[in-house]
Amino acid sequence: MKSSKIVTPHHLIALASVASTGSLTAASAALGKTQPAVSAQLRQLSEAVGTPLMLRHRYGVRLSPAAETLLPYAQACVRALEGAEQAISRLRGLEEGKLRVLASTSVAVYMLPPVLAAFHARFPGIELQMTRHNANDAMSALERGEGDIAVVRGPASPVGALSSNFVIRILVKDETMLVVPPRHRLARRRKVRPEQLDGIEIVSREPGSATHALVERMAVRTKINFRLNNHQLKLVG
């Protein structure tokens, strides 16, 4: 059942701060907030998750397994906000200006909306413009000067092939999962070896996307043959 509680960037930032400092007291000081305020944010996040996030011990608190699962996303939220602040630090007193964000599809849909909402709340005078591309097109648009920053899942091209004008920062690491129908011969296997994928048809993102490039690189590295069925991701609404 989907939780009716709303998770905000403030909740995730509080979690990341407790994880990095090791205590509520230190996290509160680092965030410039009172301890009850930070405790309230963590309690709200715990209610949204439906399970405790902090486990107390004699020296302070430690993260629960659920909190450990959320932590990479919380840290990514912190890094994204820090990166956004650095990107606009040269603008006029952070009071006015425009920030053009180029984003790959999955990043634009799932990662950036809460980050940009928090950024806009903090810097309402900055006009935000986000344009969605696949990873290759986003990097090309950045090189043509059509954006100020690109946030992509990838990039599709090897890092060494990118322009030296780019400064690249890893915000978060994720996994690409193999999904098969319930009756597929690989469905009941907990682990799949590369050679077991030889000759199967794989539905993948279109050429130019980071996912497509990842599949192609794996095929070359493992010397197996995929039959790629390329699909362009279309969003409705």
Foldseek 3Di string as FASTA:
>chain_A
DQFPQDQALLLLLLLLLCAVPVALVRSCVVVVHDSVVSVVSQVSVCVNVVHHQWDADPVHIDGDPVSVVCNLLSQLLVVLLVVVCVLCVPPDVLAAEEFEEEEEDVCVVPPCPSSVVVVCVVRVRYHYHYDYDALQVSLVCVVVVVGSYYYYDAQLDPPVPHDPVDDDDDSGDDDDDDDDDCPDPCNPPPDDDPQVQAPEEDEFEDPRHRGVSVVVVVCVVVVGDYNYDYDHDDDDD
